[in-house]
Amino acid sequence: MNEQTLETIIGQTLCGDLDIKIDKEGLWFYHGSPIGRKELVKLFASVLHKDEEGCHWLITPAEKGEIVVEDVAFLAVEMTVTGQGKEQSLEFFTNVDDIVIAGEDNPLRIEEDLQTGEPSPYILVRDRLEARLNRPVFYELVDLGVEEVINNERIYGVWSNGQFFQIGKITEA
């Protein structure tokens, strides 16, 4: 069964490209103009999905339309910490007011830019949708880091909800 047939069966109209874009800074645009109303952005974010091929869709019970996302859909703009050490819990707040606690279901990951070597930190928000930690939040995260030895390697990372998340490897100077 092809996708068009499936869309007809479940009653959705495939709208194609909606000319909505989320830029690298997490700003939403419609026809090239910024969407200034946060409540409208939050509404769109609530129906945002990412498929297995990495395409982003706004999906309602009646319609489905594709949007462009330059990096990730959300930004983590604030972090709170409760507890300490292995009992620590890291809670992230996104630019669309989602709250995510780093752990097994919402892992943190660091991706290094191959050209610049700069780290880009991400957390899974839901259903393949991630938030990139903004720079101040990433600096807070790094300040919380501890050294752990894993497989005979010295690893720098953070604990949250009983999970250890690697920020980087410690090399001998």
N, C-alpha and C. Protein backbone atom coordinates (compact mmCIF):
# COMPACT_ATOMS: atom_id res chain seq x y z
N MET A 1 0.85 -1.17 0.00
CA MET A 1 0.00 0.00 0.00
C MET A 1 0.90 1.24 0.00
N ASN A 2 0.68 2.15 -0.93
CA ASN A 2 1.53 3.34 -0.98
C ASN A 2 1.03 4.40 0.00
N GLU A 3 1.86 5.42 0.19
CA GLU A 3 1.55 6.46 1.20
C GLU A 3 0.27 7.21 0.85
N GLN A 4 0.06 7.51 -0.44
CA GLN A 4 -1.13 8.25 -0.85
C GLN A 4 -2.39 7.46 -0.49
N THR A 5 -2.38 6.15 -0.74
CA THR A 5 -3.53 5.31 -0.39
C THR A 5 -3.74 5.30 1.12
N LEU A 6 -2.66 5.18 1.86
CA LEU A 6 -2.75 5.19 3.31
C LEU A 6 -3.33 6.51 3.80
N GLU A 7 -2.89 7.62 3.22
CA GLU A 7 -3.41 8.94 3.62
C GLU A 7 -4.92 9.00 3.39
N THR A 8 -5.38 8.47 2.28
CA THR A 8 -6.80 8.50 1.98
C THR A 8 -7.58 7.65 2.98
N ILE A 9 -7.03 6.49 3.34
CA ILE A 9 -7.70 5.59 4.28
C ILE A 9 -7.87 6.25 5.64
N ILE A 10 -6.84 6.91 6.13
CA ILE A 10 -6.95 7.51 7.46
C ILE A 10 -7.57 8.91 7.41
N GLY A 11 -7.94 9.37 6.22
CA GLY A 11 -8.69 10.61 6.09
C GLY A 11 -7.88 11.88 6.09
N GLN A 12 -6.57 11.80 5.95
CA GLN A 12 -5.75 13.01 5.92
C GLN A 12 -5.54 13.46 4.49
N THR A 13 -5.52 14.76 4.32
CA THR A 13 -5.15 15.34 3.04
C THR A 13 -3.67 15.67 3.09
N LEU A 14 -2.91 15.17 2.12
CA LEU A 14 -1.48 15.47 2.05
C LEU A 14 -1.32 16.83 1.41
N CYS A 15 -0.80 17.79 2.17
CA CYS A 15 -0.71 19.18 1.71
C CYS A 15 0.61 19.50 1.03
N GLY A 16 1.58 18.59 1.06
CA GLY A 16 2.88 18.87 0.46
C GLY A 16 3.70 19.80 1.34
N ASP A 17 4.54 20.61 0.70
CA ASP A 17 5.42 21.55 1.41
C ASP A 17 4.60 22.74 1.88
N LEU A 18 4.63 23.01 3.18
CA LEU A 18 3.84 24.10 3.76
C LEU A 18 4.56 25.44 3.75
N ASP A 19 5.81 25.48 3.28
CA ASP A 19 6.64 26.68 3.29
C ASP A 19 6.81 27.24 4.71
N ILE A 20 6.94 26.30 5.64
CA ILE A 20 7.29 26.65 7.03
C ILE A 20 8.70 26.11 7.26
N LYS A 21 9.53 26.93 7.90
CA LYS A 21 10.91 26.54 8.15
C LYS A 21 11.28 26.86 9.59
N ILE A 22 12.07 25.97 10.19
CA ILE A 22 12.67 26.24 11.50
C ILE A 22 14.16 26.37 11.24
N ASP A 23 14.71 27.56 11.54
CA ASP A 23 16.14 27.77 11.25
C ASP A 23 17.01 27.19 12.36
N LYS A 24 18.33 27.33 12.20
CA LYS A 24 19.29 26.75 13.15
C LYS A 24 19.16 27.34 14.55
N GLU A 25 18.60 28.53 14.64
CA GLU A 25 18.43 29.18 15.95
C GLU A 25 17.08 28.86 16.58
N GLY A 26 16.29 27.99 15.96
CA GLY A 26 15.01 27.60 16.51
C GLY A 26 13.88 28.56 16.19
N LEU A 27 14.11 29.50 15.27
CA LEU A 27 13.08 30.46 14.88
C LEU A 27 12.22 29.86 13.77
N TRP A 28 10.92 30.06 13.89
CA TRP A 28 9.97 29.52 12.92
C TRP A 28 9.61 30.61 11.91
N PHE A 29 9.53 30.22 10.62
CA PHE A 29 9.21 31.15 9.55
C PHE A 29 8.09 30.57 8.70
N TYR A 30 7.24 31.47 8.19
CA TYR A 30 6.19 31.10 7.23
C TYR A 30 6.33 32.02 6.03
N HIS A 31 6.50 31.46 4.86
CA HIS A 31 6.77 32.22 3.62
C HIS A 31 7.92 33.20 3.82
N GLY A 32 8.94 32.80 4.56
CA GLY A 32 10.12 33.62 4.75
C GLY A 32 10.02 34.67 5.85
N SER A 33 8.84 34.84 6.44
CA SER A 33 8.65 35.82 7.52
C SER A 33 8.59 35.12 8.87
N PRO A 34 9.22 35.71 9.89
CA PRO A 34 9.19 35.08 11.21
C PRO A 34 7.76 34.96 11.75
N ILE A 35 7.50 33.85 12.41
CA ILE A 35 6.22 33.70 13.12
C ILE A 35 6.45 34.27 14.51
N GLY A 36 5.88 35.42 14.77
CA GLY A 36 6.17 36.16 15.99
C GLY A 36 5.36 35.73 17.21
N ARG A 37 4.24 35.08 17.00
CA ARG A 37 3.38 34.71 18.13
C ARG A 37 3.82 33.37 18.70
N LYS A 38 4.30 33.39 19.93
CA LYS A 38 4.79 32.17 20.56
C LYS A 38 3.70 31.12 20.67
N GLU A 39 2.48 31.53 20.96
CA GLU A 39 1.38 30.56 21.09
C GLU A 39 1.13 29.82 19.78
N LEU A 40 1.30 30.51 18.65
CA LEU A 40 1.13 29.85 17.35
C LEU A 40 2.26 28.86 17.11
N VAL A 41 3.49 29.25 17.45
CA VAL A 41 4.63 28.34 17.33
C VAL A 41 4.41 27.11 18.21
N LYS A 42 3.93 27.31 19.43
CA LYS A 42 3.66 26.18 20.33
C LYS A 42 2.59 25.26 19.76
N LEU A 43 1.58 25.83 19.12
CA LEU A 43 0.53 25.03 18.50
C LEU A 43 1.12 24.17 17.38
N PHE A 44 1.91 24.79 16.51
CA PHE A 44 2.57 24.02 15.45
C PHE A 44 3.48 22.94 16.04
N ALA A 45 4.24 23.30 17.06
CA ALA A 45 5.16 22.34 17.69
C ALA A 45 4.42 21.14 18.26
N SER A 46 3.20 21.37 18.73
CA SER A 46 2.44 20.27 19.34
C SER A 46 2.00 19.21 18.32
N VAL A 47 1.98 19.57 17.03
CA VAL A 47 1.58 18.60 16.00
C VAL A 47 2.76 18.25 15.09
N LEU A 48 3.98 18.58 15.54
CA LEU A 48 5.18 18.30 14.76
C LEU A 48 5.64 16.87 14.98
N HIS A 49 6.00 16.20 13.90
CA HIS A 49 6.50 14.83 13.93
C HIS A 49 7.70 14.72 13.00
N LYS A 50 8.56 13.75 13.29
CA LYS A 50 9.72 13.47 12.44
C LYS A 50 9.66 12.00 12.06
N ASP A 51 9.68 11.73 10.76
CA ASP A 51 9.57 10.34 10.33
C ASP A 51 10.93 9.65 10.31
N GLU A 52 10.93 8.37 9.96
CA GLU A 52 12.16 7.58 9.98
C GLU A 52 13.20 8.06 8.98
N GLU A 53 12.76 8.75 7.93
CA GLU A 53 13.70 9.27 6.93
C GLU A 53 14.25 10.64 7.32
N GLY A 54 13.79 11.18 8.45
CA GLY A 54 14.28 12.48 8.90
C GLY A 54 13.46 13.66 8.42
N CYS A 55 12.34 13.40 7.75
CA CYS A 55 11.46 14.49 7.29
C CYS A 55 10.57 14.94 8.43
N HIS A 56 10.29 16.24 8.46
CA HIS A 56 9.46 16.82 9.51
C HIS A 56 8.08 17.15 8.94
N TRP A 57 7.05 16.81 9.71
CA TRP A 57 5.67 16.97 9.26
C TRP A 57 4.84 17.63 10.35
N LEU A 58 3.93 18.51 9.94
CA LEU A 58 2.86 18.96 10.82
C LEU A 58 1.67 18.07 10.49
N ILE A 59 1.18 17.35 11.50
CA ILE A 59 0.12 16.37 11.26
C ILE A 59 -1.06 16.65 12.18
N THR A 60 -2.21 16.89 11.56
CA THR A 60 -3.46 17.02 12.30
C THR A 60 -4.35 15.86 11.88
N PRO A 61 -5.49 15.67 12.53
CA PRO A 61 -6.37 14.57 12.09
C PRO A 61 -6.82 14.71 10.64
N ALA A 62 -6.84 15.94 10.10
CA ALA A 62 -7.34 16.15 8.74
C ALA A 62 -6.26 16.36 7.69
N GLU A 63 -5.09 16.89 8.09
CA GLU A 63 -4.07 17.26 7.10
C GLU A 63 -2.67 16.87 7.56
N LYS A 64 -1.79 16.78 6.56
CA LYS A 64 -0.39 16.47 6.82
C LYS A 64 0.43 17.27 5.83
N GLY A 65 1.37 18.09 6.36
CA GLY A 65 2.22 18.89 5.47
C GLY A 65 3.65 18.88 5.94
N GLU A 66 4.58 18.90 4.99
CA GLU A 66 6.00 18.84 5.30
C GLU A 66 6.56 20.24 5.55
N ILE A 67 7.48 20.33 6.52
CA ILE A 67 8.18 21.58 6.79
C ILE A 67 9.69 21.33 6.74
N VAL A 68 10.46 22.41 6.66
CA VAL A 68 11.92 22.32 6.60
C VAL A 68 12.49 22.66 7.97
N VAL A 69 13.39 21.82 8.46
CA VAL A 69 14.07 22.06 9.73
C VAL A 69 15.57 22.02 9.45
N GLU A 70 16.26 23.16 9.68
CA GLU A 70 17.69 23.25 9.35
C GLU A 70 18.55 22.36 10.24
N ASP A 71 18.25 22.27 11.51
CA ASP A 71 19.04 21.43 12.43
C ASP A 71 18.08 20.57 13.23
N VAL A 72 17.53 21.12 14.29
CA VAL A 72 16.53 20.42 15.10
C VAL A 72 15.36 21.37 15.34
N ALA A 73 14.25 20.80 15.78
CA ALA A 73 13.03 21.59 15.91
C ALA A 73 13.03 22.52 17.12
N PHE A 74 13.75 22.15 18.17
CA PHE A 74 13.64 22.90 19.42
C PHE A 74 15.00 23.30 19.97
N LEU A 75 14.98 24.25 20.90
CA LEU A 75 16.18 24.64 21.65
C LEU A 75 15.92 24.42 23.12
N ALA A 76 16.90 23.90 23.83
CA ALA A 76 16.84 23.84 25.30
C ALA A 76 17.42 25.16 25.80
N VAL A 77 16.58 25.95 26.46
CA VAL A 77 16.97 27.31 26.82
C VAL A 77 17.21 27.50 28.31
N GLU A 78 16.91 26.47 29.09
CA GLU A 78 17.11 26.56 30.55
C GLU A 78 17.28 25.15 31.10
N MET A 79 18.04 25.04 32.19
CA MET A 79 18.24 23.74 32.83
C MET A 79 18.17 23.92 34.34
N THR A 80 17.53 22.98 35.01
CA THR A 80 17.56 22.96 36.47
C THR A 80 18.14 21.62 36.91
N VAL A 81 18.79 21.66 38.05
CA VAL A 81 19.47 20.48 38.59
C VAL A 81 18.90 20.17 39.96
N THR A 82 18.55 18.91 40.18
CA THR A 82 18.18 18.46 41.52
C THR A 82 19.08 17.28 41.87
N GLY A 83 19.42 17.17 43.13
CA GLY A 83 20.28 16.09 43.58
C GLY A 83 21.73 16.31 43.20
N GLN A 84 22.54 15.28 43.50
CA GLN A 84 23.97 15.34 43.23
C GLN A 84 24.48 13.99 42.76
N GLY A 85 25.63 14.01 42.09
CA GLY A 85 26.29 12.78 41.68
C GLY A 85 25.39 11.89 40.85
N LYS A 86 25.42 10.59 41.16
CA LYS A 86 24.63 9.63 40.40
C LYS A 86 23.14 9.78 40.64
N GLU A 87 22.78 10.50 41.71
CA GLU A 87 21.36 10.75 42.03
C GLU A 87 20.85 12.04 41.39
N GLN A 88 21.70 12.69 40.64
CA GLN A 88 21.36 13.97 40.02
C GLN A 88 20.30 13.79 38.93
N SER A 89 19.47 14.82 38.76
CA SER A 89 18.47 14.84 37.70
C SER A 89 18.58 16.19 36.99
N LEU A 90 18.65 16.15 35.66
CA LEU A 90 18.77 17.36 34.85
C LEU A 90 17.48 17.57 34.08
N GLU A 91 16.85 18.70 34.33
CA GLU A 91 15.58 19.03 33.70
C GLU A 91 15.79 20.19 32.74
N PHE A 92 15.36 20.02 31.49
CA PHE A 92 15.56 21.02 30.46
C PHE A 92 14.22 21.62 30.04
N PHE A 93 14.22 22.92 29.79
CA PHE A 93 13.05 23.65 29.34
C PHE A 93 13.32 24.13 27.91
N THR A 94 12.39 23.88 27.01
CA THR A 94 12.61 24.24 25.61
C THR A 94 11.99 25.60 25.28
N ASN A 95 12.31 26.07 24.09
CA ASN A 95 11.77 27.33 23.60
C ASN A 95 10.27 27.27 23.32
N VAL A 96 9.68 26.07 23.34
CA VAL A 96 8.22 25.94 23.18
C VAL A 96 7.58 25.41 24.45
N ASP A 97 8.28 25.61 25.57
CA ASP A 97 7.78 25.28 26.91
C ASP A 97 7.61 23.79 27.20
N ASP A 98 8.29 22.94 26.44
CA ASP A 98 8.35 21.52 26.80
C ASP A 98 9.34 21.37 27.95
N ILE A 99 9.10 20.40 28.80
CA ILE A 99 10.01 20.09 29.91
C ILE A 99 10.47 18.65 29.72
N VAL A 100 11.78 18.46 29.71
CA VAL A 100 12.37 17.15 29.44
C VAL A 100 13.41 16.84 30.50
N ILE A 101 13.34 15.66 31.09
CA ILE A 101 14.35 15.22 32.06
C ILE A 101 15.27 14.23 31.36
N ALA A 102 16.56 14.54 31.35
CA ALA A 102 17.53 13.65 30.71
C ALA A 102 17.55 12.31 31.43
N GLY A 103 17.53 11.25 30.66
CA GLY A 103 17.55 9.90 31.21
C GLY A 103 17.47 8.89 30.09
N GLU A 104 17.10 7.69 30.43
CA GLU A 104 17.06 6.60 29.45
C GLU A 104 16.14 6.92 28.27
N ASP A 105 14.96 7.48 28.55
CA ASP A 105 14.00 7.79 27.49
C ASP A 105 14.30 9.10 26.77
N ASN A 106 15.08 9.95 27.39
CA ASN A 106 15.42 11.26 26.82
C ASN A 106 16.93 11.48 26.94
N PRO A 107 17.69 10.75 26.10
CA PRO A 107 19.15 10.82 26.23
C PRO A 107 19.74 12.14 25.73
N LEU A 108 20.87 12.48 26.32
CA LEU A 108 21.70 13.59 25.84
C LEU A 108 22.73 13.00 24.88
N ARG A 109 23.09 13.76 23.86
CA ARG A 109 24.18 13.35 22.98
C ARG A 109 24.95 14.59 22.54
N ILE A 110 26.22 14.39 22.26
CA ILE A 110 27.08 15.47 21.79
C ILE A 110 27.57 15.09 20.40
N GLU A 111 27.35 15.98 19.46
CA GLU A 111 27.83 15.76 18.09
C GLU A 111 28.91 16.80 17.81
N GLU A 112 30.03 16.34 17.30
CA GLU A 112 31.14 17.25 17.02
C GLU A 112 31.14 17.64 15.55
N ASP A 113 31.22 18.96 15.28
CA ASP A 113 31.30 19.46 13.92
C ASP A 113 32.62 18.99 13.31
N LEU A 114 32.54 18.31 12.18
CA LEU A 114 33.74 17.74 11.56
C LEU A 114 34.72 18.81 11.07
N GLN A 115 34.21 19.99 10.72
CA GLN A 115 35.08 21.05 10.21
C GLN A 115 35.69 21.87 11.34
N THR A 116 34.88 22.24 12.32
CA THR A 116 35.36 23.15 13.37
C THR A 116 35.76 22.44 14.66
N GLY A 117 35.27 21.21 14.84
CA GLY A 117 35.53 20.50 16.09
C GLY A 117 34.63 20.95 17.23
N GLU A 118 33.74 21.91 16.96
CA GLU A 118 32.84 22.43 17.99
C GLU A 118 31.79 21.38 18.36
N PRO A 119 31.53 21.24 19.66
CA PRO A 119 30.49 20.30 20.09
C PRO A 119 29.10 20.92 19.97
N SER A 120 28.15 20.11 19.57
CA SER A 120 26.74 20.51 19.56
C SER A 120 25.98 19.51 20.43
N PRO A 121 25.44 19.98 21.55
CA PRO A 121 24.73 19.08 22.47
C PRO A 121 23.22 19.03 22.16
N TYR A 122 22.66 17.84 22.24
CA TYR A 122 21.24 17.63 21.94
C TYR A 122 20.61 16.76 23.02
N ILE A 123 19.28 16.93 23.18
CA ILE A 123 18.50 16.03 24.04
C ILE A 123 17.25 15.63 23.27
N LEU A 124 16.89 14.36 23.37
CA LEU A 124 15.67 13.87 22.74
C LEU A 124 14.47 14.40 23.52
N VAL A 125 13.56 15.06 22.82
CA VAL A 125 12.36 15.60 23.45
C VAL A 125 11.23 14.57 23.37
N ARG A 126 10.95 14.12 22.14
CA ARG A 126 9.91 13.10 21.92
C ARG A 126 9.98 12.62 20.48
N ASP A 127 9.63 11.38 20.27
CA ASP A 127 9.43 10.82 18.92
C ASP A 127 10.44 11.32 17.89
N ARG A 128 11.71 11.11 18.10
CA ARG A 128 12.79 11.49 17.18
C ARG A 128 13.00 13.00 17.09
N LEU A 129 12.26 13.79 17.83
CA LEU A 129 12.44 15.25 17.83
C LEU A 129 13.39 15.64 18.95
N GLU A 130 14.40 16.42 18.60
CA GLU A 130 15.42 16.80 19.57
C GLU A 130 15.44 18.31 19.79
N ALA A 131 16.05 18.69 20.90
CA ALA A 131 16.35 20.09 21.19
C ALA A 131 17.87 20.22 21.27
N ARG A 132 18.39 21.28 20.69
CA ARG A 132 19.82 21.58 20.85
C ARG A 132 19.96 22.49 22.06
N LEU A 133 20.90 22.18 22.93
CA LEU A 133 21.14 23.02 24.11
C LEU A 133 21.79 24.31 23.64
N ASN A 134 21.22 25.46 24.07
CA ASN A 134 21.87 26.71 23.70
C ASN A 134 23.18 26.83 24.47
N ARG A 135 24.02 27.76 24.07
CA ARG A 135 25.38 27.85 24.63
C ARG A 135 25.39 28.01 26.15
N PRO A 136 24.60 28.93 26.74
CA PRO A 136 24.64 29.05 28.21
C PRO A 136 24.25 27.75 28.93
N VAL A 137 23.26 27.05 28.40
CA VAL A 137 22.83 25.78 29.01
C VAL A 137 23.94 24.74 28.87
N PHE A 138 24.60 24.71 27.72
CA PHE A 138 25.70 23.76 27.53
C PHE A 138 26.83 24.06 28.51
N TYR A 139 27.15 25.33 28.72
CA TYR A 139 28.20 25.68 29.69
C TYR A 139 27.82 25.24 31.10
N GLU A 140 26.54 25.39 31.46
CA GLU A 140 26.07 24.90 32.77
C GLU A 140 26.26 23.39 32.86
N LEU A 141 25.92 22.70 31.78
CA LEU A 141 26.05 21.24 31.74
C LEU A 141 27.51 20.82 31.92
N VAL A 142 28.41 21.50 31.22
CA VAL A 142 29.84 21.18 31.32
C VAL A 142 30.34 21.40 32.74
N ASP A 143 29.85 22.47 33.40
CA ASP A 143 30.25 22.74 34.79
C ASP A 143 29.86 21.62 35.74
N LEU A 144 28.82 20.86 35.39
CA LEU A 144 28.35 19.76 36.24
C LEU A 144 29.10 18.46 35.98
N GLY A 145 29.95 18.46 34.97
CA GLY A 145 30.61 17.23 34.53
C GLY A 145 31.53 16.63 35.58
N VAL A 146 31.65 15.31 35.49
CA VAL A 146 32.54 14.54 36.36
C VAL A 146 33.30 13.53 35.50
N GLU A 147 34.38 13.04 36.07
CA GLU A 147 35.17 12.02 35.36
C GLU A 147 34.70 10.64 35.80
N GLU A 148 34.52 9.76 34.83
CA GLU A 148 34.22 8.35 35.08
C GLU A 148 35.16 7.52 34.21
N VAL A 149 35.51 6.34 34.68
CA VAL A 149 36.31 5.42 33.87
C VAL A 149 35.37 4.36 33.32
N ILE A 150 35.30 4.31 31.98
CA ILE A 150 34.42 3.37 31.30
C ILE A 150 35.27 2.63 30.27
N ASN A 151 35.29 1.30 30.37
CA ASN A 151 36.10 0.47 29.46
C ASN A 151 37.55 0.95 29.42
N ASN A 152 38.09 1.23 30.60
CA ASN A 152 39.48 1.68 30.75
C ASN A 152 39.77 3.02 30.09
N GLU A 153 38.73 3.80 29.80
CA GLU A 153 38.91 5.15 29.25
C GLU A 153 38.38 6.16 30.24
N ARG A 154 39.09 7.28 30.35
CA ARG A 154 38.63 8.37 31.21
C ARG A 154 37.64 9.22 30.40
N ILE A 155 36.41 9.27 30.90
CA ILE A 155 35.32 9.95 30.20
C ILE A 155 34.82 11.10 31.07
N TYR A 156 34.56 12.24 30.44
CA TYR A 156 33.98 13.39 31.12
C TYR A 156 32.51 13.45 30.71
N GLY A 157 31.62 13.54 31.71
CA GLY A 157 30.20 13.57 31.39
C GLY A 157 29.37 13.96 32.58
N VAL A 158 28.07 13.77 32.45
CA VAL A 158 27.13 14.13 33.51
C VAL A 158 26.19 12.96 33.80
N TRP A 159 25.70 12.95 35.04
CA TRP A 159 24.70 11.97 35.46
C TRP A 159 23.33 12.64 35.45
N SER A 160 22.31 11.87 35.04
CA SER A 160 20.92 12.30 35.17
C SER A 160 20.04 11.05 35.19
N ASN A 161 19.20 10.96 36.18
CA ASN A 161 18.27 9.83 36.32
C ASN A 161 18.99 8.48 36.23
N GLY A 162 20.14 8.38 36.87
CA GLY A 162 20.87 7.12 36.90
C GLY A 162 21.62 6.77 35.62
N GLN A 163 21.61 7.65 34.65
CA GLN A 163 22.31 7.43 33.38
C GLN A 163 23.51 8.37 33.30
N PHE A 164 24.60 7.88 32.74
CA PHE A 164 25.78 8.71 32.53
C PHE A 164 25.86 9.08 31.05
N PHE A 165 25.99 10.37 30.78
CA PHE A 165 26.05 10.87 29.41
C PHE A 165 27.41 11.49 29.15
N GLN A 166 28.08 10.97 28.15
CA GLN A 166 29.42 11.44 27.81
C GLN A 166 29.38 12.81 27.17
N ILE A 167 30.23 13.70 27.68
CA ILE A 167 30.45 15.00 27.04
C ILE A 167 31.71 14.91 26.18
N GLY A 168 32.73 14.23 26.69
CA GLY A 168 33.97 14.09 25.94
C GLY A 168 34.90 13.10 26.62
N LYS A 169 35.99 12.79 25.94
CA LYS A 169 37.01 11.90 26.49
C LYS A 169 38.13 12.76 27.07
N ILE A 170 38.71 12.27 28.15
CA ILE A 170 39.83 12.96 28.78
C ILE A 170 41.11 12.33 28.25
N THR A 171 41.94 13.16 27.63
CA THR A 171 43.20 12.65 27.10
C THR A 171 44.34 13.17 27.95
N GLU A 172 45.39 12.41 27.99
CA GLU A 172 46.57 12.82 28.76
C GLU A 172 47.26 13.98 28.06
N ALA A 173 47.69 14.95 28.85
CA ALA A 173 48.35 16.13 28.27
C ALA A 173 49.81 15.88 28.03
